[in-house]
Amino acid sequence: FIPTGRAINPVTGTNWEHVGVKPDHPIAAEEA
């Protein structure tokens, strides 16, 4: 499976590659 594209967010001009999407309220998934 080979990525042929990349996402471009219109607000940030970038995406979540490598860094992930960061939550507004960080907490363990089991407690989220």
PDB file of all heavy atoms in Angstrom:
ATOM      1  N   PHE A   1       0.878  -1.171   0.000  1.00  0.00           N
ATOM      2  CA  PHE A   1       0.000   0.000   0.000  1.00  0.00           C
ATOM      3  C   PHE A   1       0.912   1.217   0.000  1.00  0.00           C
ATOM      4  O   PHE A   1       1.703   1.427   0.924  1.00  0.00           O
ATOM      5  CB  PHE A   1      -0.909   0.020   1.229  1.00  0.00           C
ATOM      6  CG  PHE A   1      -1.922   1.137   1.164  1.00  0.00           C
ATOM      7  CD1 PHE A   1      -3.147   0.944   0.555  1.00  0.00           C
ATOM      8  CD2 PHE A   1      -1.626   2.387   1.683  1.00  0.00           C
ATOM      9  CE1 PHE A   1      -4.072   1.982   0.469  1.00  0.00           C
ATOM     10  CE2 PHE A   1      -2.536   3.432   1.597  1.00  0.00           C
ATOM     11  CZ  PHE A   1      -3.763   3.228   0.987  1.00  0.00           C
ATOM     12  N   ILE A   2       0.820   2.014  -1.078  1.00  0.00           N
ATOM     13  CA  ILE A   2       1.725   3.143  -1.266  1.00  0.00           C
ATOM     14  C   ILE A   2       0.924   4.449  -1.320  1.00  0.00           C
ATOM     15  O   ILE A   2       0.041   4.609  -2.173  1.00  0.00           O
ATOM     16  CB  ILE A   2       2.534   2.989  -2.565  1.00  0.00           C
ATOM     17  CG1 ILE A   2       3.417   1.734  -2.470  1.00  0.00           C
ATOM     18  CG2 ILE A   2       3.387   4.225  -2.830  1.00  0.00           C
ATOM     19  CD1 ILE A   2       4.210   1.437  -3.718  1.00  0.00           C
ATOM     20  N   PRO A   3       1.183   5.377  -0.408  1.00  0.00           N
ATOM     21  CA  PRO A   3       0.503   6.670  -0.457  1.00  0.00           C
ATOM     22  C   PRO A   3       0.854   7.444  -1.721  1.00  0.00           C
ATOM     23  O   PRO A   3       2.032   7.678  -2.008  1.00  0.00           O
ATOM     24  CB  PRO A   3       1.027   7.394   0.791  1.00  0.00           C
ATOM     25  CG  PRO A   3       1.428   6.287   1.718  1.00  0.00           C
ATOM     26  CD  PRO A   3       1.993   5.232   0.804  1.00  0.00           C
ATOM     27  N   THR A   4      -0.160   7.814  -2.459  1.00  0.00           N
ATOM     28  CA  THR A   4       0.029   8.591  -3.691  1.00  0.00           C
ATOM     29  C   THR A   4      -0.367  10.053  -3.495  1.00  0.00           C
ATOM     30  O   THR A   4      -0.199  10.867  -4.402  1.00  0.00           O
ATOM     31  CB  THR A   4      -0.816   7.997  -4.820  1.00  0.00           C
ATOM     32  OG1 THR A   4      -2.191   7.968  -4.398  1.00  0.00           O
ATOM     33  CG2 THR A   4      -0.367   6.577  -5.151  1.00  0.00           C
ATOM     34  N   GLY A   5      -0.928  10.375  -2.328  1.00  0.00           N
ATOM     35  CA  GLY A   5      -1.396  11.736  -2.098  1.00  0.00           C
ATOM     36  C   GLY A   5      -1.104  12.218  -0.692  1.00  0.00           C
ATOM     37  O   GLY A   5      -0.592  11.480   0.152  1.00  0.00           O
ATOM     38  N   ARG A   6      -1.433  13.470  -0.456  1.00  0.00           N
ATOM     39  CA  ARG A   6      -1.288  14.048   0.877  1.00  0.00           C
ATOM     40  C   ARG A   6      -2.440  15.019   1.126  1.00  0.00           C
ATOM     41  O   ARG A   6      -2.923  15.691   0.206  1.00  0.00           O
ATOM     42  CB  ARG A   6       0.047  14.785   1.027  1.00  0.00           C
ATOM     43  CG  ARG A   6       0.280  15.939   0.075  1.00  0.00           C
ATOM     44  CD  ARG A   6       1.657  16.540   0.261  1.00  0.00           C
ATOM     45  NE  ARG A   6       1.927  17.596  -0.703  1.00  0.00           N
ATOM     46  CZ  ARG A   6       1.629  18.875  -0.522  1.00  0.00           C
ATOM     47  NH1 ARG A   6       1.061  19.249   0.610  1.00  0.00           N
ATOM     48  NH2 ARG A   6       1.894  19.774  -1.449  1.00  0.00           N
ATOM     49  N   ALA A   7      -2.896  15.039   2.372  1.00  0.00           N
ATOM     50  CA  ALA A   7      -3.992  15.926   2.744  1.00  0.00           C
ATOM     51  C   ALA A   7      -3.482  17.345   2.963  1.00  0.00           C
ATOM     52  O   ALA A   7      -2.363  17.545   3.453  1.00  0.00           O
ATOM     53  CB  ALA A   7      -4.663  15.408   4.013  1.00  0.00           C
ATOM     54  N   ILE A   8      -4.306  18.315   2.597  1.00  0.00           N
ATOM     55  CA  ILE A   8      -3.984  19.734   2.808  1.00  0.00           C
ATOM     56  C   ILE A   8      -5.201  20.384   3.444  1.00  0.00           C
ATOM     57  O   ILE A   8      -6.229  20.575   2.789  1.00  0.00           O
ATOM     58  CB  ILE A   8      -3.636  20.444   1.487  1.00  0.00           C
ATOM     59  CG1 ILE A   8      -2.530  19.702   0.734  1.00  0.00           C
ATOM     60  CG2 ILE A   8      -3.217  21.896   1.761  1.00  0.00           C
ATOM     61  CD1 ILE A   8      -2.316  20.203  -0.684  1.00  0.00           C
ATOM     62  N   ASN A   9      -5.114  20.732   4.711  1.00  0.00           N
ATOM     63  CA  ASN A   9      -6.236  21.353   5.392  1.00  0.00           C
ATOM     64  C   ASN A   9      -6.345  22.827   5.002  1.00  0.00           C
ATOM     65  O   ASN A   9      -5.342  23.547   5.025  1.00  0.00           O
ATOM     66  CB  ASN A   9      -6.066  21.212   6.903  1.00  0.00           C
ATOM     67  CG  ASN A   9      -7.230  21.790   7.680  1.00  0.00           C
ATOM     68  OD1 ASN A   9      -7.248  22.968   7.983  1.00  0.00           O
ATOM     69  ND2 ASN A   9      -8.207  20.949   7.974  1.00  0.00           N
ATOM     70  N   PRO A  10      -7.535  23.315   4.645  1.00  0.00           N
ATOM     71  CA  PRO A  10      -7.667  24.708   4.193  1.00  0.00           C
ATOM     72  C   PRO A  10      -7.453  25.739   5.302  1.00  0.00           C
ATOM     73  O   PRO A  10      -7.187  26.904   5.005  1.00  0.00           O
ATOM     74  CB  PRO A  10      -9.102  24.759   3.664  1.00  0.00           C
ATOM     75  CG  PRO A  10      -9.814  23.681   4.405  1.00  0.00           C
ATOM     76  CD  PRO A  10      -8.815  22.596   4.579  1.00  0.00           C
ATOM     77  N   VAL A  11      -7.553  25.321   6.553  1.00  0.00           N
ATOM     78  CA  VAL A  11      -7.370  26.253   7.666  1.00  0.00           C
ATOM     79  C   VAL A  11      -5.904  26.334   8.070  1.00  0.00           C
ATOM     80  O   VAL A  11      -5.337  27.421   8.215  1.00  0.00           O
ATOM     81  CB  VAL A  11      -8.225  25.843   8.876  1.00  0.00           C
ATOM     82  CG1 VAL A  11      -7.969  26.773  10.071  1.00  0.00           C
ATOM     83  CG2 VAL A  11      -9.711  25.847   8.506  1.00  0.00           C
ATOM     84  N   THR A  12      -5.255  25.172   8.224  1.00  0.00           N
ATOM     85  CA  THR A  12      -3.871  25.138   8.697  1.00  0.00           C
ATOM     86  C   THR A  12      -2.848  25.120   7.567  1.00  0.00           C
ATOM     87  O   THR A  12      -1.681  25.434   7.783  1.00  0.00           O
ATOM     88  CB  THR A  12      -3.642  23.907   9.584  1.00  0.00           C
ATOM     89  OG1 THR A  12      -3.784  22.708   8.789  1.00  0.00           O
ATOM     90  CG2 THR A  12      -4.639  23.863  10.728  1.00  0.00           C
ATOM     91  N   GLY A  13      -3.278  24.707   6.370  1.00  0.00           N
ATOM     92  CA  GLY A  13      -2.349  24.591   5.250  1.00  0.00           C
ATOM     93  C   GLY A  13      -1.463  23.366   5.334  1.00  0.00           C
ATOM     94  O   GLY A  13      -0.592  23.163   4.489  1.00  0.00           O
ATOM     95  N   THR A  14      -1.683  22.534   6.331  1.00  0.00           N
ATOM     96  CA  THR A  14      -0.878  21.326   6.494  1.00  0.00           C
ATOM     97  C   THR A  14      -1.811  20.179   6.879  1.00  0.00           C
ATOM     98  O   THR A  14      -2.990  20.181   6.542  1.00  0.00           O
ATOM     99  CB  THR A  14       0.222  21.560   7.555  1.00  0.00           C
ATOM    100  OG1 THR A  14       1.027  20.381   7.666  1.00  0.00           O
ATOM    101  CG2 THR A  14      -0.359  21.920   8.907  1.00  0.00           C
ATOM    102  N   ASN A  15      -1.290  19.157   7.592  1.00  0.00           N
ATOM    103  CA  ASN A  15      -2.129  18.034   8.005  1.00  0.00           C
ATOM    104  C   ASN A  15      -1.572  17.408   9.285  1.00  0.00           C
ATOM    105  O   ASN A  15      -0.725  18.004   9.950  1.00  0.00           O
ATOM    106  CB  ASN A  15      -2.237  17.005   6.875  1.00  0.00           C
ATOM    107  CG  ASN A  15      -0.871  16.490   6.422  1.00  0.00           C
ATOM    108  OD1 ASN A  15      -0.021  16.130   7.229  1.00  0.00           O
ATOM    109  ND2 ASN A  15      -0.651  16.467   5.113  1.00  0.00           N
ATOM    110  N   TRP A  16      -1.999  16.220   9.590  1.00  0.00           N
ATOM    111  CA  TRP A  16      -1.659  15.557  10.849  1.00  0.00           C
ATOM    112  C   TRP A  16      -0.593  14.463  10.663  1.00  0.00           C
ATOM    113  O   TRP A  16      -0.349  13.682  11.582  1.00  0.00           O
ATOM    114  CB  TRP A  16      -2.921  14.962  11.464  1.00  0.00           C
ATOM    115  CG  TRP A  16      -3.604  13.988  10.538  1.00  0.00           C
ATOM    116  CD1 TRP A  16      -3.459  12.632  10.509  1.00  0.00           C
ATOM    117  CD2 TRP A  16      -4.519  14.315   9.477  1.00  0.00           C
ATOM    118  NE1 TRP A  16      -4.216  12.089   9.500  1.00  0.00           N
ATOM    119  CE2 TRP A  16      -4.884  13.094   8.864  1.00  0.00           C
ATOM    120  CE3 TRP A  16      -5.068  15.499   9.012  1.00  0.00           C
ATOM    121  CZ2 TRP A  16      -5.769  13.041   7.789  1.00  0.00           C
ATOM    122  CZ3 TRP A  16      -5.949  15.438   7.937  1.00  0.00           C
ATOM    123  CH2 TRP A  16      -6.296  14.225   7.337  1.00  0.00           C
ATOM    124  N   GLU A  17       0.047  14.416   9.503  1.00  0.00           N
ATOM    125  CA  GLU A  17       1.062  13.395   9.245  1.00  0.00           C
ATOM    126  C   GLU A  17       2.178  13.466  10.289  1.00  0.00           C
ATOM    127  O   GLU A  17       2.701  14.527  10.596  1.00  0.00           O
ATOM    128  CB  GLU A  17       1.651  13.565   7.839  1.00  0.00           C
ATOM    129  CG  GLU A  17       2.705  12.535   7.454  1.00  0.00           C
ATOM    130  CD  GLU A  17       2.150  11.134   7.336  1.00  0.00           C
ATOM    131  OE1 GLU A  17       0.946  10.974   7.062  1.00  0.00           O
ATOM    132  OE2 GLU A  17       2.932  10.173   7.520  1.00  0.00           O
ATOM    133  N   HIS A  18       2.545  12.314  10.844  1.00  0.00           N
ATOM    134  CA  HIS A  18       3.595  12.143  11.856  1.00  0.00           C
ATOM    135  C   HIS A  18       3.202  12.681  13.234  1.00  0.00           C
ATOM    136  O   HIS A  18       3.528  12.074  14.249  1.00  0.00           O
ATOM    137  CB  HIS A  18       4.921  12.782  11.433  1.00  0.00           C
ATOM    138  CG  HIS A  18       5.492  12.221  10.174  1.00  0.00           C
ATOM    139  ND1 HIS A  18       5.520  10.878   9.894  1.00  0.00           N
ATOM    140  CD2 HIS A  18       6.061  12.834   9.100  1.00  0.00           C
ATOM    141  CE1 HIS A  18       6.079  10.673   8.712  1.00  0.00           C
ATOM    142  NE2 HIS A  18       6.401  11.850   8.204  1.00  0.00           N
ATOM    143  N   VAL A  19       2.532  13.826  13.283  1.00  0.00           N
ATOM    144  CA  VAL A  19       2.252  14.455  14.580  1.00  0.00           C
ATOM    145  C   VAL A  19       0.928  14.011  15.185  1.00  0.00           C
ATOM    146  O   VAL A  19       0.713  14.139  16.401  1.00  0.00           O
ATOM    147  CB  VAL A  19       2.273  15.993  14.461  1.00  0.00           C
ATOM    148  CG1 VAL A  19       3.639  16.473  14.030  1.00  0.00           C
ATOM    149  CG2 VAL A  19       1.206  16.492  13.492  1.00  0.00           C
ATOM    150  N   GLY A  20       0.008  13.498  14.371  1.00  0.00           N
ATOM    151  CA  GLY A  20      -1.296  13.116  14.863  1.00  0.00           C
ATOM    152  C   GLY A  20      -2.182  14.320  15.127  1.00  0.00           C
ATOM    153  O   GLY A  20      -1.763  15.471  15.024  1.00  0.00           O
ATOM    154  N   VAL A  21      -3.430  14.035  15.475  1.00  0.00           N
ATOM    155  CA  VAL A  21      -4.378  15.080  15.836  1.00  0.00           C
ATOM    156  C   VAL A  21      -4.374  15.182  17.357  1.00  0.00           C
ATOM    157  O   VAL A  21      -4.635  14.202  18.049  1.00  0.00           O
ATOM    158  CB  VAL A  21      -5.798  14.762  15.329  1.00  0.00           C
ATOM    159  CG1 VAL A  21      -6.749  15.904  15.667  1.00  0.00           C
ATOM    160  CG2 VAL A  21      -5.780  14.504  13.826  1.00  0.00           C
ATOM    161  N   LYS A  22      -4.090  16.351  17.857  1.00  0.00           N
ATOM    162  CA  LYS A  22      -3.949  16.542  19.301  1.00  0.00           C
ATOM    163  C   LYS A  22      -5.291  16.943  19.919  1.00  0.00           C
ATOM    164  O   LYS A  22      -5.932  17.899  19.472  1.00  0.00           O
ATOM    165  CB  LYS A  22      -2.887  17.600  19.589  1.00  0.00           C
ATOM    166  CG  LYS A  22      -1.487  17.162  19.175  1.00  0.00           C
ATOM    167  CD  LYS A  22      -0.457  18.256  19.399  1.00  0.00           C
ATOM    168  CE  LYS A  22       0.956  17.710  19.197  1.00  0.00           C
ATOM    169  NZ  LYS A  22       1.141  17.047  17.904  1.00  0.00           N
ATOM    170  N   PRO A  23      -5.717  16.247  20.958  1.00  0.00           N
ATOM    171  CA  PRO A  23      -7.011  16.552  21.575  1.00  0.00           C
ATOM    172  C   PRO A  23      -6.990  17.844  22.373  1.00  0.00           C
ATOM    173  O   PRO A  23      -5.941  18.286  22.844  1.00  0.00           O
ATOM    174  CB  PRO A  23      -7.253  15.342  22.490  1.00  0.00           C
ATOM    175  CG  PRO A  23      -5.873  14.859  22.829  1.00  0.00           C
ATOM    176  CD  PRO A  23      -5.047  15.096  21.586  1.00  0.00           C
ATOM    177  N   ASP A  24      -8.160  18.441  22.536  1.00  0.00           N
ATOM    178  CA  ASP A  24      -8.297  19.624  23.376  1.00  0.00           C
ATOM    179  C   ASP A  24      -8.220  19.257  24.854  1.00  0.00           C
ATOM    180  O   ASP A  24      -7.776  20.050  25.679  1.00  0.00           O
ATOM    181  CB  ASP A  24      -9.639  20.311  23.088  1.00  0.00           C
ATOM    182  CG  ASP A  24      -9.793  20.692  21.628  1.00  0.00           C
ATOM    183  OD1 ASP A  24      -8.973  21.484  21.132  1.00  0.00           O
ATOM    184  OD2 ASP A  24     -10.715  20.184  20.969  1.00  0.00           O
ATOM    185  N   HIS A  25      -8.643  18.034  25.166  1.00  0.00           N
ATOM    186  CA  HIS A  25      -8.596  17.520  26.542  1.00  0.00           C
ATOM    187  C   HIS A  25      -7.862  16.179  26.521  1.00  0.00           C
ATOM    188  O   HIS A  25      -8.487  15.136  26.319  1.00  0.00           O
ATOM    189  CB  HIS A  25     -10.013  17.352  27.106  1.00  0.00           C
ATOM    190  CG  HIS A  25     -10.772  18.626  27.252  1.00  0.00           C
ATOM    191  ND1 HIS A  25     -10.741  19.392  28.393  1.00  0.00           N
ATOM    192  CD2 HIS A  25     -11.574  19.288  26.378  1.00  0.00           C
ATOM    193  CE1 HIS A  25     -11.496  20.465  28.238  1.00  0.00           C
ATOM    194  NE2 HIS A  25     -12.008  20.430  27.022  1.00  0.00           N
ATOM    195  N   PRO A  26      -6.534  16.180  26.717  1.00  0.00           N
ATOM    196  CA  PRO A  26      -5.774  14.931  26.679  1.00  0.00           C
ATOM    197  C   PRO A  26      -6.112  14.035  27.876  1.00  0.00           C
ATOM    198  O   PRO A  26      -6.141  14.492  29.019  1.00  0.00           O
ATOM    199  CB  PRO A  26      -4.313  15.401  26.748  1.00  0.00           C
ATOM    200  CG  PRO A  26      -4.349  16.866  26.427  1.00  0.00           C
ATOM    201  CD  PRO A  26      -5.671  17.355  26.905  1.00  0.00           C
ATOM    202  N   ILE A  27      -6.361  12.756  27.572  1.00  0.00           N
ATOM    203  CA  ILE A  27      -6.672  11.777  28.609  1.00  0.00           C
ATOM    204  C   ILE A  27      -6.553  10.392  27.987  1.00  0.00           C
ATOM    205  O   ILE A  27      -6.691  10.241  26.770  1.00  0.00           O
ATOM    206  CB  ILE A  27      -8.090  12.017  29.182  1.00  0.00           C
ATOM    207  CG1 ILE A  27      -8.309  11.177  30.444  1.00  0.00           C
ATOM    208  CG2 ILE A  27      -9.154  11.745  28.133  1.00  0.00           C
ATOM    209  CD1 ILE A  27      -9.600  11.534  31.173  1.00  0.00           C
ATOM    210  N   ALA A  28      -6.262   9.378  28.784  1.00  0.00           N
ATOM    211  CA  ALA A  28      -6.132   8.016  28.271  1.00  0.00           C
ATOM    212  C   ALA A  28      -7.408   7.602  27.545  1.00  0.00           C
ATOM    213  O   ALA A  28      -8.521   7.946  27.969  1.00  0.00           O
ATOM    214  CB  ALA A  28      -5.840   7.051  29.410  1.00  0.00           C
ATOM    215  N   ALA A  29      -7.237   6.865  26.456  1.00  0.00           N
ATOM    216  CA  ALA A  29      -8.379   6.482  25.629  1.00  0.00           C
ATOM    217  C   ALA A  29      -9.437   5.721  26.421  1.00  0.00           C
ATOM    218  O   ALA A  29     -10.641   5.885  26.188  1.00  0.00           O
ATOM    219  CB  ALA A  29      -7.907   5.642  24.447  1.00  0.00           C
ATOM    220  N   GLU A  30      -9.007   4.886  27.356  1.00  0.00           N
ATOM    221  CA  GLU A  30      -9.953   4.107  28.153  1.00  0.00           C
ATOM    222  C   GLU A  30     -10.851   5.003  29.003  1.00  0.00           C
ATOM    223  O   GLU A  30     -11.954   4.606  29.377  1.00  0.00           O
ATOM    224  CB  GLU A  30      -9.202   3.120  29.049  1.00  0.00           C
ATOM    225  CG  GLU A  30      -8.483   2.010  28.308  1.00  0.00           C
ATOM    226  CD  GLU A  30      -7.140   2.453  27.732  1.00  0.00           C
ATOM    227  OE1 GLU A  30      -6.749   3.631  27.962  1.00  0.00           O
ATOM    228  OE2 GLU A  30      -6.477   1.646  27.054  1.00  0.00           O
ATOM    229  N   GLU A  31     -10.373   6.183  29.332  1.00  0.00           N
ATOM    230  CA  GLU A  31     -11.138   7.106  30.180  1.00  0.00           C
ATOM    231  C   GLU A  31     -11.778   8.237  29.380  1.00  0.00           C
ATOM    232  O   GLU A  31     -12.518   9.054  29.937  1.00  0.00           O
ATOM    233  CB  GLU A  31     -10.207   7.712  31.238  1.00  0.00           C
ATOM    234  CG  GLU A  31      -9.476   6.687  32.084  1.00  0.00           C
ATOM    235  CD  GLU A  31      -8.388   7.321  32.937  1.00  0.00           C
ATOM    236  OE1 GLU A  31      -8.443   8.548  33.152  1.00  0.00           O
ATOM    237  OE2 GLU A  31      -7.487   6.588  33.361  1.00  0.00           O
ATOM    238  N   ALA A  32     -11.507   8.282  28.083  1.00  0.00           N
ATOM    239  CA  ALA A  32     -11.902   9.437  27.276  1.00  0.00           C
ATOM    240  C   ALA A  32     -13.408   9.577  27.116  1.00  0.00           C
ATOM    241  O   ALA A  32     -13.934  10.697  27.112  1.00  0.00           O
ATOM    242  CB  ALA A  32     -11.238   9.361  25.902  1.00  0.00           C
TER     243      ALA A  32
END
